[in-house]
Amino acid sequence: MTDEAEELPKPRELLAARVAAEELFDTLRDWFDVPDEVTIDLRAVDSAVSELSDPQYVMAMAMRKLQALHLLTTPGVVTTTDVVLTVIQDLERALLQAPSMHLRNAAAETDWDAALAELDEDPIDPAGGHDGEGGEGEGEPAEAGAAGDRIEAFRRHHSALHEAARAVLRASDGEIRRLI
């Protein structure tokens, strides 16, 4: 086989994953307040133990992998099928856990006394909606609806990475090939 026969154009799903990587990156930064720069402790092989138990740090590492995927999905950047699949697989656990970790963090940071007092101030009408300004028509506070929409968008973008991985596997018949 010649080098040209082993090269494949990047599948359209992989190119589309570029936008998904951008959106996931921005969402993780927002949800976990990840700073612009993160320091990695390389003093010893086990020095990462405390870092890797910190959700903010774990998401920073996922963001770094999203940066790599974003580069690999750039038209004209040559890569290989195994590299693309490895990066997507490396992202999987963090992306699966991110929505629930975000909600747990938000719940832990909520002033529940104030939230419950707010419910008393905004009574629910018999039709199931809120009488006050915060409702969205189905008895759901505006913040909850927005959070649900953001999680749904996150899951769609995460799914786009799965679609990209499947497209790469289909295009290469499971073989390691260059993607151009």
Protein backbone atom coordinates (compact mmCIF):
# COMPACT_ATOMS: atom_id res chain seq x y z
CA MET A 1 0.00 0.00 0.00
CA THR A 2 1.31 3.46 -0.83
CA ASP A 3 1.22 6.37 1.55
CA GLU A 4 -1.56 7.98 -0.50
CA ALA A 5 -3.73 4.85 -0.21
CA GLU A 6 -3.35 4.96 3.57
CA GLU A 7 -4.44 8.61 3.81
CA LEU A 8 -8.08 9.44 4.33
CA PRO A 9 -9.90 12.74 4.33
CA LYS A 10 -11.17 13.64 7.78
CA PRO A 11 -14.81 12.56 8.05
CA ARG A 12 -17.31 15.41 8.19
CA GLU A 13 -18.32 14.30 11.72
CA LEU A 14 -14.73 14.75 12.88
CA LEU A 15 -14.57 18.23 11.35
CA ALA A 16 -17.91 19.05 13.03
CA ALA A 17 -16.46 17.95 16.39
CA ARG A 18 -14.32 21.10 16.29
CA VAL A 19 -17.34 23.21 17.29
CA ALA A 20 -18.31 20.64 19.94
CA ALA A 21 -14.79 20.82 21.42
CA GLU A 22 -15.06 24.62 21.63
CA GLU A 23 -18.46 24.48 23.34
CA LEU A 24 -17.43 21.75 25.79
CA PHE A 25 -14.25 23.68 26.63
CA ASP A 26 -16.20 26.88 27.38
CA THR A 27 -18.83 25.04 29.42
CA LEU A 28 -16.25 23.22 31.57
CA ARG A 29 -14.46 26.52 32.25
CA ASP A 30 -17.73 28.13 33.29
CA TRP A 31 -19.09 25.25 35.37
CA PHE A 32 -15.85 24.60 37.27
CA ASP A 33 -14.31 28.10 37.36
CA VAL A 34 -11.14 26.79 35.73
CA PRO A 35 -8.48 29.52 35.65
CA ASP A 36 -6.62 30.50 32.47
CA GLU A 37 -3.49 28.71 33.67
CA VAL A 38 -3.10 25.55 35.76
CA THR A 39 0.15 24.33 37.33
CA ILE A 40 0.99 20.62 37.27
CA ASP A 41 2.95 19.12 40.20
CA LEU A 42 5.66 16.84 38.78
CA ARG A 43 7.86 16.55 41.88
CA ALA A 44 7.13 12.84 42.30
CA VAL A 45 5.08 10.13 40.63
CA ASP A 46 2.48 10.24 43.39
CA SER A 47 2.36 14.02 43.80
CA ALA A 48 -0.73 14.17 41.58
CA VAL A 49 -2.92 12.29 44.06
CA SER A 50 -4.43 15.40 45.63
CA GLU A 51 -4.68 17.21 42.29
CA LEU A 52 -6.53 14.37 40.61
CA SER A 53 -9.18 14.35 43.33
CA ASP A 54 -9.98 18.04 42.73
CA PRO A 55 -12.89 18.42 40.24
CA GLN A 56 -11.54 21.76 39.00
CA TYR A 57 -8.16 20.19 38.22
CA VAL A 58 -9.72 17.13 36.56
CA MET A 59 -11.79 19.41 34.33
CA ALA A 60 -8.71 21.51 33.54
CA MET A 61 -7.03 18.34 32.28
CA ALA A 62 -10.11 17.53 30.20
CA MET A 63 -9.98 21.06 28.78
CA ARG A 64 -6.37 20.43 27.74
CA LYS A 65 -7.50 17.31 25.88
CA LEU A 66 -10.27 19.34 24.24
CA GLN A 67 -7.57 21.75 23.06
CA ALA A 68 -5.74 18.78 21.51
CA LEU A 69 -8.93 17.51 19.86
CA HIS A 70 -9.68 21.00 18.56
CA LEU A 71 -6.25 21.03 16.90
CA LEU A 72 -6.74 17.54 15.44
CA THR A 73 -10.09 18.56 13.94
CA THR A 74 -8.54 21.55 12.18
CA PRO A 75 -8.63 21.18 8.39
CA GLY A 76 -5.09 20.71 7.07
CA VAL A 77 -3.66 19.34 10.33
CA VAL A 78 -2.48 15.79 9.64
CA THR A 79 -3.17 13.20 12.32
CA THR A 80 -3.91 9.50 12.57
CA THR A 81 -7.03 7.58 13.45
CA ASP A 82 -5.52 6.10 16.62
CA VAL A 83 -4.56 9.52 17.97
CA VAL A 84 -8.07 10.91 17.41
CA LEU A 85 -9.72 7.89 19.03
CA THR A 86 -7.34 7.97 22.00
CA VAL A 87 -8.01 11.66 22.70
CA ILE A 88 -11.78 11.15 22.50
CA GLN A 89 -11.56 8.10 24.78
CA ASP A 90 -9.40 10.03 27.27
CA LEU A 91 -12.13 12.66 27.48
CA GLU A 92 -14.95 10.21 28.07
CA ARG A 93 -14.94 9.81 31.85
CA ALA A 94 -14.59 13.52 32.60
CA LEU A 95 -17.34 14.43 30.13
CA LEU A 96 -19.68 11.77 31.51
CA GLN A 97 -19.20 13.04 35.05
CA ALA A 98 -19.15 16.79 34.37
CA PRO A 99 -22.92 17.51 34.44
CA SER A 100 -23.54 15.69 37.73
CA MET A 101 -20.36 17.13 39.28
CA HIS A 102 -21.50 20.60 38.24
CA LEU A 103 -24.94 20.09 39.79
CA ARG A 104 -23.41 18.71 43.01
CA ASN A 105 -21.10 21.73 43.24
CA ALA A 106 -24.00 24.11 42.60
CA ALA A 107 -26.11 22.38 45.26
CA ALA A 108 -23.25 22.54 47.76
CA GLU A 109 -22.82 26.28 47.11
CA THR A 110 -26.54 27.09 47.33
CA ASP A 111 -27.78 29.03 50.33
CA TRP A 112 -30.74 26.74 50.94
CA ASP A 113 -32.30 29.00 53.59
CA ALA A 114 -32.43 31.85 51.08
CA ALA A 115 -33.67 29.54 48.30
CA LEU A 116 -36.49 28.21 50.49
CA ALA A 117 -37.39 31.73 51.60
CA GLU A 118 -37.56 32.72 47.94
CA LEU A 119 -40.05 29.91 47.33
CA ASP A 120 -42.26 31.29 50.09
CA GLU A 121 -42.15 34.71 48.40
CA ASP A 122 -43.06 33.26 44.97
CA PRO A 123 -46.15 31.08 45.56
CA ILE A 124 -47.16 28.49 43.01
CA ASP A 125 -50.58 29.09 41.49
CA PRO A 126 -53.13 26.23 41.22
CA ALA A 127 -52.46 25.88 37.47
CA GLY A 128 -48.93 24.71 38.26
CA GLY A 129 -47.03 27.86 37.35
CA HIS A 130 -45.42 30.56 39.43
CA ASP A 131 -47.27 33.75 40.23
CA GLY A 132 -43.99 35.68 40.29
CA GLU A 133 -41.51 36.71 37.64
CA GLY A 134 -39.23 33.64 37.85
CA GLY A 135 -41.44 31.05 36.11
CA GLU A 136 -41.11 29.52 32.68
CA GLY A 137 -44.70 28.35 32.28
CA GLU A 138 -44.44 24.83 33.69
CA GLY A 139 -43.74 25.60 37.32
CA GLU A 140 -39.99 25.57 36.71
CA PRO A 141 -37.82 28.46 37.91
CA ALA A 142 -35.94 30.27 35.11
CA GLU A 143 -32.55 29.25 36.53
CA ALA A 144 -33.50 25.56 36.55
CA GLY A 145 -34.69 25.75 32.94
CA ALA A 146 -31.49 27.45 31.83
CA ALA A 147 -29.36 24.91 33.72
CA GLY A 148 -31.27 22.05 32.11
CA ASP A 149 -30.83 23.60 28.67
CA ARG A 150 -27.10 23.99 29.27
CA ILE A 151 -26.76 20.37 30.39
CA GLU A 152 -28.73 19.19 27.35
CA ALA A 153 -26.45 21.23 25.05
CA PHE A 154 -23.41 19.78 26.83
CA ARG A 155 -24.71 16.25 26.22
CA ARG A 156 -25.36 17.01 22.53
CA HIS A 157 -21.79 18.25 22.10
CA HIS A 158 -20.46 15.23 24.00
CA SER A 159 -22.49 13.01 21.67
CA ALA A 160 -20.89 14.75 18.68
CA LEU A 161 -17.53 13.42 19.87
CA HIS A 162 -18.96 9.88 19.86
CA GLU A 163 -20.26 10.44 16.33
CA ALA A 164 -16.81 11.64 15.28
CA ALA A 165 -15.16 8.54 16.77
CA ARG A 166 -17.62 6.22 15.01
CA ALA A 167 -17.09 8.04 11.71
CA VAL A 168 -13.30 7.69 12.04
CA LEU A 169 -13.66 3.96 12.74
CA ARG A 170 -16.00 3.48 9.76
CA ALA A 171 -13.80 5.46 7.38
CA SER A 172 -10.66 3.55 8.36
CA ASP A 173 -12.25 0.09 8.70
CA GLY A 174 -10.66 -0.04 12.14
CA GLU A 175 -7.15 0.36 10.73
CA ILE A 176 -4.62 2.99 11.77
CA ARG A 177 -4.64 5.49 8.92
CA ARG A 178 -3.49 9.04 8.35
CA LEU A 179 -6.25 11.63 8.33
CA ILE A 180 -5.77 14.74 6.23
